[in-house]
Amino acid sequence: MPTGWSVTTVHHLGLTVADVERSIRFYRDVLGMPLVGRRVADAEYVARQTGYEGLRLDVASFRLAPDSDQLLQIAQYQTHAGAAADQASNRPGNSHLCLVVDDIHAAYQELKGRGVAFKSPPIEITAGPHRGGFGVYLLDPDGYTIELHQRPAKGQS
């Protein structure tokens, strides 16, 4: 257990993307996340923090939910760009972002109609603490996994 400090909240989830403009269109226009900031990050401290001398990033930030302080930050490396990684959810070190939606079936139909790639249709959660809810995995333009989660109806679970 840490002593003298503690985690107080989540500030942002950062994703490296191949094409920031394409990812802005996906997160803002397809998923509906408000774009709250856009900048070029090339200050010396960013290079020191990341370990890439002379780094230049094209960064966009989105609010994850309307009443949330948490952000999704996407960054395209303008310098020091690496090769695409295998984003499979079963690979150690990979992650996924889970977003709560109020109607997973409507979200699935709309997003599927807009060409979003899904791993399955919405699946009912039949066991555990979220029993009665639904979940589905989709992929962003770089293959990053996003989970949509619909909570169980009140009184159910």
N, C-alpha and C. Protein backbone atom coordinates (compact mmCIF):
# COMPACT_ATOMS: atom_id res chain seq x y z
N MET A 1 0.84 -1.18 0.00
CA MET A 1 0.00 0.00 0.00
C MET A 1 0.89 1.25 0.00
N PRO A 2 0.61 2.21 -0.90
CA PRO A 2 1.43 3.43 -0.94
C PRO A 2 1.31 4.21 0.38
N THR A 3 2.36 4.90 0.70
CA THR A 3 2.33 5.77 1.87
C THR A 3 2.70 7.19 1.44
N GLY A 4 1.93 8.16 1.90
CA GLY A 4 2.21 9.55 1.58
C GLY A 4 1.61 10.05 0.29
N TRP A 5 0.93 9.20 -0.46
CA TRP A 5 0.28 9.64 -1.70
C TRP A 5 -0.84 8.67 -2.04
N SER A 6 -1.73 9.09 -2.95
CA SER A 6 -2.81 8.22 -3.41
C SER A 6 -3.30 8.67 -4.77
N VAL A 7 -3.89 7.76 -5.51
CA VAL A 7 -4.55 8.11 -6.77
C VAL A 7 -5.86 8.78 -6.39
N THR A 8 -6.17 9.93 -7.01
CA THR A 8 -7.38 10.67 -6.67
C THR A 8 -8.47 10.58 -7.72
N THR A 9 -8.11 10.39 -8.99
CA THR A 9 -9.10 10.26 -10.06
C THR A 9 -8.38 9.87 -11.35
N VAL A 10 -9.14 9.65 -12.40
CA VAL A 10 -8.59 9.42 -13.74
C VAL A 10 -8.66 10.76 -14.47
N HIS A 11 -7.56 11.18 -15.05
CA HIS A 11 -7.54 12.41 -15.84
C HIS A 11 -7.89 12.13 -17.30
N HIS A 12 -7.15 11.19 -17.92
CA HIS A 12 -7.45 10.84 -19.31
C HIS A 12 -6.91 9.46 -19.65
N LEU A 13 -7.46 8.92 -20.71
CA LEU A 13 -6.92 7.74 -21.36
C LEU A 13 -6.30 8.24 -22.65
N GLY A 14 -5.05 7.91 -22.89
CA GLY A 14 -4.36 8.35 -24.09
C GLY A 14 -4.20 7.22 -25.09
N LEU A 15 -4.53 7.49 -26.33
CA LEU A 15 -4.38 6.52 -27.41
C LEU A 15 -3.51 7.11 -28.51
N THR A 16 -2.56 6.32 -28.99
CA THR A 16 -1.77 6.71 -30.14
C THR A 16 -2.53 6.28 -31.39
N VAL A 17 -2.67 7.19 -32.34
CA VAL A 17 -3.43 6.92 -33.56
C VAL A 17 -2.54 7.16 -34.78
N ALA A 18 -2.91 6.52 -35.88
CA ALA A 18 -2.16 6.68 -37.13
C ALA A 18 -2.52 7.96 -37.86
N ASP A 19 -3.76 8.40 -37.74
CA ASP A 19 -4.26 9.56 -38.48
C ASP A 19 -5.22 10.32 -37.57
N VAL A 20 -4.75 11.42 -37.00
CA VAL A 20 -5.55 12.15 -36.02
C VAL A 20 -6.85 12.68 -36.61
N GLU A 21 -6.84 13.11 -37.87
CA GLU A 21 -8.06 13.64 -38.48
C GLU A 21 -9.11 12.54 -38.61
N ARG A 22 -8.70 11.35 -39.06
CA ARG A 22 -9.62 10.22 -39.17
C ARG A 22 -10.17 9.85 -37.80
N SER A 23 -9.33 9.86 -36.78
CA SER A 23 -9.79 9.50 -35.44
C SER A 23 -10.71 10.58 -34.85
N ILE A 24 -10.46 11.84 -35.15
CA ILE A 24 -11.38 12.90 -34.71
C ILE A 24 -12.76 12.66 -35.31
N ARG A 25 -12.79 12.36 -36.59
CA ARG A 25 -14.09 12.09 -37.23
C ARG A 25 -14.80 10.92 -36.55
N PHE A 26 -14.07 9.88 -36.17
CA PHE A 26 -14.68 8.73 -35.53
C PHE A 26 -15.19 9.07 -34.13
N TYR A 27 -14.33 9.60 -33.29
CA TYR A 27 -14.73 9.84 -31.90
C TYR A 27 -15.74 10.98 -31.77
N ARG A 28 -15.61 12.02 -32.57
CA ARG A 28 -16.54 13.15 -32.50
C ARG A 28 -17.81 12.88 -33.29
N ASP A 29 -17.67 12.50 -34.56
CA ASP A 29 -18.82 12.43 -35.45
C ASP A 29 -19.57 11.10 -35.38
N VAL A 30 -18.88 10.01 -35.08
CA VAL A 30 -19.53 8.70 -35.03
C VAL A 30 -19.96 8.37 -33.60
N LEU A 31 -19.04 8.51 -32.63
CA LEU A 31 -19.39 8.19 -31.24
C LEU A 31 -20.01 9.37 -30.48
N GLY A 32 -19.89 10.57 -31.02
CA GLY A 32 -20.54 11.73 -30.41
C GLY A 32 -19.82 12.35 -29.22
N MET A 33 -18.54 12.08 -29.07
CA MET A 33 -17.78 12.67 -27.97
C MET A 33 -17.43 14.11 -28.31
N PRO A 34 -17.70 15.05 -27.39
CA PRO A 34 -17.35 16.45 -27.67
C PRO A 34 -15.83 16.65 -27.73
N LEU A 35 -15.36 17.26 -28.81
CA LEU A 35 -13.96 17.63 -28.94
C LEU A 35 -13.74 18.87 -28.09
N VAL A 36 -12.86 18.78 -27.10
CA VAL A 36 -12.68 19.90 -26.16
C VAL A 36 -11.32 20.57 -26.30
N GLY A 37 -10.43 20.00 -27.10
CA GLY A 37 -9.13 20.63 -27.27
C GLY A 37 -8.37 20.01 -28.42
N ARG A 38 -7.52 20.84 -29.02
CA ARG A 38 -6.69 20.40 -30.15
C ARG A 38 -5.41 21.20 -30.07
N ARG A 39 -4.26 20.51 -30.15
CA ARG A 39 -3.00 21.23 -30.07
C ARG A 39 -1.87 20.42 -30.66
N VAL A 40 -0.80 21.11 -30.95
CA VAL A 40 0.47 20.48 -31.28
C VAL A 40 1.28 20.47 -30.00
N ALA A 41 1.77 19.32 -29.62
CA ALA A 41 2.60 19.18 -28.42
C ALA A 41 4.03 18.95 -28.86
N ASP A 42 4.85 19.98 -28.72
CA ASP A 42 6.26 19.84 -29.09
C ASP A 42 7.17 20.53 -28.09
N ALA A 43 6.65 20.79 -26.90
CA ALA A 43 7.46 21.40 -25.85
C ALA A 43 8.53 20.42 -25.39
N GLU A 44 9.63 20.96 -24.92
CA GLU A 44 10.77 20.14 -24.51
C GLU A 44 10.39 19.14 -23.41
N TYR A 45 9.49 19.53 -22.50
CA TYR A 45 9.12 18.61 -21.41
C TYR A 45 8.40 17.37 -21.94
N VAL A 46 7.66 17.50 -23.05
CA VAL A 46 6.96 16.35 -23.62
C VAL A 46 7.98 15.34 -24.14
N ALA A 47 9.02 15.82 -24.78
CA ALA A 47 10.09 14.95 -25.26
C ALA A 47 10.77 14.25 -24.09
N ARG A 48 11.05 14.99 -23.04
CA ARG A 48 11.71 14.39 -21.86
C ARG A 48 10.80 13.36 -21.19
N GLN A 49 9.51 13.69 -21.05
CA GLN A 49 8.57 12.78 -20.39
C GLN A 49 8.42 11.47 -21.16
N THR A 50 8.34 11.55 -22.48
CA THR A 50 8.12 10.36 -23.31
C THR A 50 9.41 9.63 -23.69
N GLY A 51 10.53 10.34 -23.61
CA GLY A 51 11.80 9.73 -23.99
C GLY A 51 12.12 9.82 -25.47
N TYR A 52 11.40 10.69 -26.21
CA TYR A 52 11.64 10.85 -27.64
C TYR A 52 12.12 12.28 -27.92
N GLU A 53 13.42 12.43 -28.11
CA GLU A 53 14.00 13.74 -28.34
C GLU A 53 13.42 14.38 -29.60
N GLY A 54 13.08 15.66 -29.50
CA GLY A 54 12.53 16.38 -30.65
C GLY A 54 11.12 15.96 -31.02
N LEU A 55 10.38 15.44 -30.08
CA LEU A 55 9.04 14.92 -30.35
C LEU A 55 8.06 16.02 -30.75
N ARG A 56 7.20 15.67 -31.70
CA ARG A 56 6.10 16.55 -32.11
C ARG A 56 4.86 15.68 -32.25
N LEU A 57 3.82 16.01 -31.48
CA LEU A 57 2.55 15.27 -31.48
C LEU A 57 1.43 16.17 -31.97
N ASP A 58 0.47 15.60 -32.68
CA ASP A 58 -0.80 16.27 -33.00
C ASP A 58 -1.83 15.64 -32.08
N VAL A 59 -2.38 16.43 -31.15
CA VAL A 59 -3.20 15.90 -30.05
C VAL A 59 -4.61 16.48 -30.11
N ALA A 60 -5.59 15.62 -29.85
CA ALA A 60 -6.99 16.04 -29.71
C ALA A 60 -7.55 15.41 -28.44
N SER A 61 -8.37 16.16 -27.71
CA SER A 61 -8.96 15.66 -26.47
C SER A 61 -10.48 15.73 -26.56
N PHE A 62 -11.11 14.68 -26.03
CA PHE A 62 -12.57 14.54 -26.05
C PHE A 62 -13.07 14.31 -24.63
N ARG A 63 -14.21 14.86 -24.31
CA ARG A 63 -14.87 14.54 -23.04
C ARG A 63 -15.53 13.18 -23.22
N LEU A 64 -15.26 12.26 -22.27
CA LEU A 64 -15.79 10.90 -22.39
C LEU A 64 -17.30 10.84 -22.25
N ALA A 65 -17.86 11.68 -21.42
CA ALA A 65 -19.32 11.73 -21.22
C ALA A 65 -19.68 13.17 -20.88
N PRO A 66 -20.92 13.58 -21.14
CA PRO A 66 -21.30 14.98 -20.97
C PRO A 66 -21.00 15.57 -19.58
N ASP A 67 -21.23 14.82 -18.52
CA ASP A 67 -21.03 15.35 -17.17
C ASP A 67 -19.75 14.84 -16.53
N SER A 68 -18.79 14.45 -17.32
CA SER A 68 -17.56 13.84 -16.82
C SER A 68 -16.38 14.79 -16.98
N ASP A 69 -15.44 14.70 -16.05
CA ASP A 69 -14.18 15.43 -16.20
C ASP A 69 -13.14 14.59 -16.91
N GLN A 70 -13.40 13.29 -17.07
CA GLN A 70 -12.43 12.40 -17.70
C GLN A 70 -12.40 12.62 -19.21
N LEU A 71 -11.18 12.51 -19.74
CA LEU A 71 -10.96 12.78 -21.15
C LEU A 71 -10.39 11.57 -21.87
N LEU A 72 -10.64 11.52 -23.16
CA LEU A 72 -9.94 10.62 -24.07
C LEU A 72 -9.02 11.53 -24.88
N GLN A 73 -7.73 11.22 -24.86
CA GLN A 73 -6.75 12.01 -25.60
C GLN A 73 -6.16 11.13 -26.69
N ILE A 74 -6.24 11.60 -27.92
CA ILE A 74 -5.63 10.87 -29.03
C ILE A 74 -4.43 11.67 -29.51
N ALA A 75 -3.38 10.96 -29.89
CA ALA A 75 -2.16 11.63 -30.33
C ALA A 75 -1.58 10.91 -31.53
N GLN A 76 -1.27 11.69 -32.55
CA GLN A 76 -0.55 11.17 -33.71
C GLN A 76 0.89 11.66 -33.60
N TYR A 77 1.83 10.73 -33.61
CA TYR A 77 3.24 11.09 -33.57
C TYR A 77 3.65 11.63 -34.93
N GLN A 78 3.94 12.94 -34.99
CA GLN A 78 4.41 13.56 -36.23
C GLN A 78 5.89 13.24 -36.45
N THR A 79 6.62 13.02 -35.35
CA THR A 79 7.99 12.53 -35.39
C THR A 79 8.02 11.27 -34.54
N HIS A 80 8.97 10.41 -34.79
CA HIS A 80 9.14 9.17 -34.01
C HIS A 80 7.94 8.23 -34.12
N ALA A 81 7.20 8.27 -35.22
CA ALA A 81 6.05 7.38 -35.38
C ALA A 81 6.53 5.93 -35.46
N GLY A 82 5.80 5.07 -34.76
CA GLY A 82 6.13 3.65 -34.78
C GLY A 82 5.16 2.88 -35.66
N ALA A 83 5.47 1.59 -35.84
CA ALA A 83 4.58 0.71 -36.60
C ALA A 83 3.34 0.41 -35.79
N ALA A 84 2.27 0.08 -36.47
CA ALA A 84 1.02 -0.28 -35.79
C ALA A 84 1.24 -1.52 -34.94
N ALA A 85 0.60 -1.55 -33.77
CA ALA A 85 0.71 -2.68 -32.85
C ALA A 85 -0.47 -3.62 -33.04
N ASP A 86 -0.31 -4.85 -32.64
CA ASP A 86 -1.41 -5.81 -32.63
C ASP A 86 -2.32 -5.44 -31.47
N GLN A 87 -3.54 -5.02 -31.76
CA GLN A 87 -4.47 -4.52 -30.76
C GLN A 87 -5.37 -5.60 -30.15
N ALA A 88 -5.12 -6.87 -30.46
CA ALA A 88 -5.99 -7.94 -29.97
C ALA A 88 -6.16 -7.83 -28.46
N SER A 89 -7.38 -7.99 -28.00
CA SER A 89 -7.69 -7.79 -26.58
C SER A 89 -7.09 -8.86 -25.67
N ASN A 90 -6.61 -9.96 -26.24
CA ASN A 90 -6.02 -11.02 -25.42
C ASN A 90 -4.51 -10.89 -25.25
N ARG A 91 -3.91 -9.82 -25.75
CA ARG A 91 -2.47 -9.64 -25.67
C ARG A 91 -2.11 -8.84 -24.42
N PRO A 92 -1.20 -9.35 -23.58
CA PRO A 92 -0.80 -8.61 -22.39
C PRO A 92 -0.34 -7.20 -22.73
N GLY A 93 -0.76 -6.25 -21.93
CA GLY A 93 -0.41 -4.85 -22.14
C GLY A 93 -1.44 -4.07 -22.94
N ASN A 94 -2.30 -4.76 -23.68
CA ASN A 94 -3.34 -4.06 -24.42
C ASN A 94 -4.48 -3.73 -23.47
N SER A 95 -5.30 -2.79 -23.88
CA SER A 95 -6.41 -2.35 -23.04
C SER A 95 -7.66 -2.18 -23.89
N HIS A 96 -8.75 -1.85 -23.23
CA HIS A 96 -9.95 -1.43 -23.95
C HIS A 96 -10.63 -0.35 -23.12
N LEU A 97 -11.44 0.43 -23.77
CA LEU A 97 -12.21 1.50 -23.14
C LEU A 97 -13.66 1.05 -23.11
N CYS A 98 -14.29 1.09 -21.93
CA CYS A 98 -15.69 0.69 -21.81
C CYS A 98 -16.53 1.94 -21.60
N LEU A 99 -17.52 2.13 -22.47
CA LEU A 99 -18.44 3.27 -22.41
C LEU A 99 -19.83 2.76 -22.07
N VAL A 100 -20.48 3.40 -21.11
CA VAL A 100 -21.85 3.04 -20.74
C VAL A 100 -22.80 3.77 -21.67
N VAL A 101 -23.75 3.02 -22.25
CA VAL A 101 -24.77 3.59 -23.12
C VAL A 101 -26.15 3.27 -22.55
N ASP A 102 -27.13 4.07 -22.91
CA ASP A 102 -28.48 3.85 -22.38
C ASP A 102 -29.31 2.88 -23.23
N ASP A 103 -28.93 2.67 -24.49
CA ASP A 103 -29.65 1.73 -25.36
C ASP A 103 -28.64 1.09 -26.30
N ILE A 104 -28.09 -0.03 -25.88
CA ILE A 104 -27.02 -0.68 -26.63
C ILE A 104 -27.49 -1.19 -27.99
N HIS A 105 -28.74 -1.61 -28.07
CA HIS A 105 -29.25 -2.13 -29.35
C HIS A 105 -29.39 -1.01 -30.37
N ALA A 106 -29.87 0.14 -29.95
CA ALA A 106 -29.96 1.29 -30.85
C ALA A 106 -28.56 1.77 -31.26
N ALA A 107 -27.64 1.80 -30.30
CA ALA A 107 -26.27 2.21 -30.60
C ALA A 107 -25.64 1.25 -31.61
N TYR A 108 -25.83 -0.04 -31.39
CA TYR A 108 -25.28 -1.05 -32.30
C TYR A 108 -25.83 -0.87 -33.71
N GLN A 109 -27.16 -0.72 -33.84
CA GLN A 109 -27.76 -0.58 -35.17
C GLN A 109 -27.26 0.68 -35.88
N GLU A 110 -27.20 1.79 -35.16
CA GLU A 110 -26.74 3.03 -35.78
C GLU A 110 -25.27 2.94 -36.19
N LEU A 111 -24.43 2.46 -35.27
CA LEU A 111 -23.00 2.39 -35.56
C LEU A 111 -22.70 1.37 -36.65
N LYS A 112 -23.37 0.24 -36.63
CA LYS A 112 -23.20 -0.79 -37.67
C LYS A 112 -23.57 -0.19 -39.03
N GLY A 113 -24.66 0.58 -39.06
CA GLY A 113 -25.08 1.24 -40.29
C GLY A 113 -24.09 2.29 -40.79
N ARG A 114 -23.26 2.78 -39.90
CA ARG A 114 -22.25 3.77 -40.27
C ARG A 114 -20.91 3.11 -40.58
N GLY A 115 -20.90 1.78 -40.63
CA GLY A 115 -19.70 1.07 -41.03
C GLY A 115 -18.74 0.71 -39.91
N VAL A 116 -19.14 0.88 -38.66
CA VAL A 116 -18.26 0.53 -37.54
C VAL A 116 -18.14 -0.99 -37.45
N ALA A 117 -16.93 -1.47 -37.24
CA ALA A 117 -16.66 -2.92 -37.13
C ALA A 117 -16.92 -3.39 -35.70
N PHE A 118 -17.72 -4.44 -35.56
CA PHE A 118 -18.05 -5.04 -34.26
C PHE A 118 -17.53 -6.47 -34.24
N LYS A 119 -17.27 -6.98 -33.02
CA LYS A 119 -16.88 -8.38 -32.85
C LYS A 119 -18.10 -9.29 -32.78
N SER A 120 -19.26 -8.74 -32.43
CA SER A 120 -20.50 -9.51 -32.31
C SER A 120 -21.64 -8.51 -32.21
N PRO A 121 -22.88 -8.99 -32.25
CA PRO A 121 -24.00 -8.12 -31.85
C PRO A 121 -23.98 -8.00 -30.32
N PRO A 122 -24.80 -7.14 -29.73
CA PRO A 122 -24.84 -7.05 -28.27
C PRO A 122 -25.15 -8.41 -27.64
N ILE A 123 -24.40 -8.73 -26.59
CA ILE A 123 -24.51 -10.01 -25.90
C ILE A 123 -25.08 -9.75 -24.50
N GLU A 124 -26.09 -10.54 -24.11
CA GLU A 124 -26.63 -10.41 -22.76
C GLU A 124 -25.64 -10.97 -21.75
N ILE A 125 -25.44 -10.27 -20.67
CA ILE A 125 -24.57 -10.72 -19.59
C ILE A 125 -25.41 -11.60 -18.69
N THR A 126 -25.05 -12.88 -18.60
CA THR A 126 -25.90 -13.86 -17.92
C THR A 126 -25.38 -14.28 -16.55
N ALA A 127 -24.26 -13.75 -16.12
CA ALA A 127 -23.70 -14.13 -14.82
C ALA A 127 -22.88 -12.97 -14.27
N GLY A 128 -22.63 -13.00 -12.98
CA GLY A 128 -21.77 -12.01 -12.36
C GLY A 128 -22.50 -10.73 -11.97
N PRO A 129 -21.74 -9.72 -11.57
CA PRO A 129 -22.33 -8.50 -11.02
C PRO A 129 -23.12 -7.66 -12.02
N HIS A 130 -22.92 -7.89 -13.31
CA HIS A 130 -23.62 -7.10 -14.34
C HIS A 130 -24.70 -7.92 -15.05
N ARG A 131 -25.08 -9.05 -14.44
CA ARG A 131 -26.10 -9.93 -15.01
C ARG A 131 -27.35 -9.13 -15.36
N GLY A 132 -27.87 -9.38 -16.57
CA GLY A 132 -29.04 -8.65 -17.04
C GLY A 132 -28.69 -7.46 -17.91
N GLY A 133 -27.43 -7.07 -17.92
CA GLY A 133 -26.98 -6.00 -18.79
C GLY A 133 -26.57 -6.57 -20.14
N PHE A 134 -25.98 -5.73 -20.96
CA PHE A 134 -25.52 -6.15 -22.29
C PHE A 134 -24.16 -5.54 -22.55
N GLY A 135 -23.36 -6.22 -23.38
CA GLY A 135 -22.06 -5.71 -23.78
C GLY A 135 -21.76 -6.07 -25.21
N VAL A 136 -20.90 -5.27 -25.82
CA VAL A 136 -20.46 -5.52 -27.19
C VAL A 136 -19.12 -4.81 -27.40
N TYR A 137 -18.24 -5.45 -28.18
CA TYR A 137 -16.95 -4.86 -28.53
C TYR A 137 -17.01 -4.33 -29.96
N LEU A 138 -16.45 -3.13 -30.15
CA LEU A 138 -16.28 -2.54 -31.47
C LEU A 138 -14.84 -2.10 -31.61
N LEU A 139 -14.45 -1.75 -32.83
CA LEU A 139 -13.08 -1.34 -33.10
C LEU A 139 -13.05 0.07 -33.66
N ASP A 140 -12.10 0.86 -33.16
CA ASP A 140 -11.92 2.20 -33.72
C ASP A 140 -11.11 2.08 -35.02
N PRO A 141 -10.84 3.18 -35.73
CA PRO A 141 -10.15 3.08 -37.02
C PRO A 141 -8.76 2.45 -36.96
N ASP A 142 -8.11 2.45 -35.78
CA ASP A 142 -6.80 1.83 -35.64
C ASP A 142 -6.87 0.43 -35.05
N GLY A 143 -8.08 -0.09 -34.85
CA GLY A 143 -8.25 -1.42 -34.30
C GLY A 143 -8.29 -1.47 -32.78
N TYR A 144 -8.34 -0.30 -32.13
CA TYR A 144 -8.43 -0.25 -30.67
C TYR A 144 -9.83 -0.71 -30.24
N THR A 145 -9.90 -1.55 -29.21
CA THR A 145 -11.17 -2.11 -28.75
C THR A 145 -11.90 -1.15 -27.83
N ILE A 146 -13.16 -0.92 -28.16
CA ILE A 146 -14.06 -0.13 -27.33
C ILE A 146 -15.23 -1.04 -26.98
N GLU A 147 -15.56 -1.10 -25.71
CA GLU A 147 -16.71 -1.88 -25.25
C GLU A 147 -17.87 -0.92 -24.98
N LEU A 148 -19.04 -1.26 -25.48
CA LEU A 148 -20.26 -0.57 -25.08
C LEU A 148 -20.93 -1.45 -24.04
N HIS A 149 -21.38 -0.82 -22.97
CA HIS A 149 -22.00 -1.56 -21.86
C HIS A 149 -23.33 -0.90 -21.53
N GLN A 150 -24.37 -1.72 -21.48
CA GLN A 150 -25.68 -1.25 -21.01
C GLN A 150 -25.93 -1.91 -19.67
N ARG A 151 -26.15 -1.11 -18.64
CA ARG A 151 -26.38 -1.63 -17.31
C ARG A 151 -27.69 -2.40 -17.27
N PRO A 152 -27.81 -3.35 -16.31
CA PRO A 152 -29.07 -4.06 -16.16
C PRO A 152 -30.19 -3.09 -15.76
N ALA A 153 -31.40 -3.46 -16.10
CA ALA A 153 -32.56 -2.66 -15.68
C ALA A 153 -32.59 -2.61 -14.16
N LYS A 154 -33.08 -1.52 -13.59
CA LYS A 154 -33.16 -1.40 -12.13
C LYS A 154 -33.93 -2.58 -11.56
N GLY A 155 -33.43 -3.10 -10.45
CA GLY A 155 -34.08 -4.24 -9.81
C GLY A 155 -33.66 -5.57 -10.40
N GLN A 156 -32.91 -5.53 -11.50
CA GLN A 156 -32.45 -6.77 -12.15
C GLN A 156 -30.99 -6.97 -11.80
N SER A 157 -30.52 -8.17 -11.71
CA SER A 157 -29.12 -8.59 -11.55
C SER A 157 -28.98 -9.60 -10.48
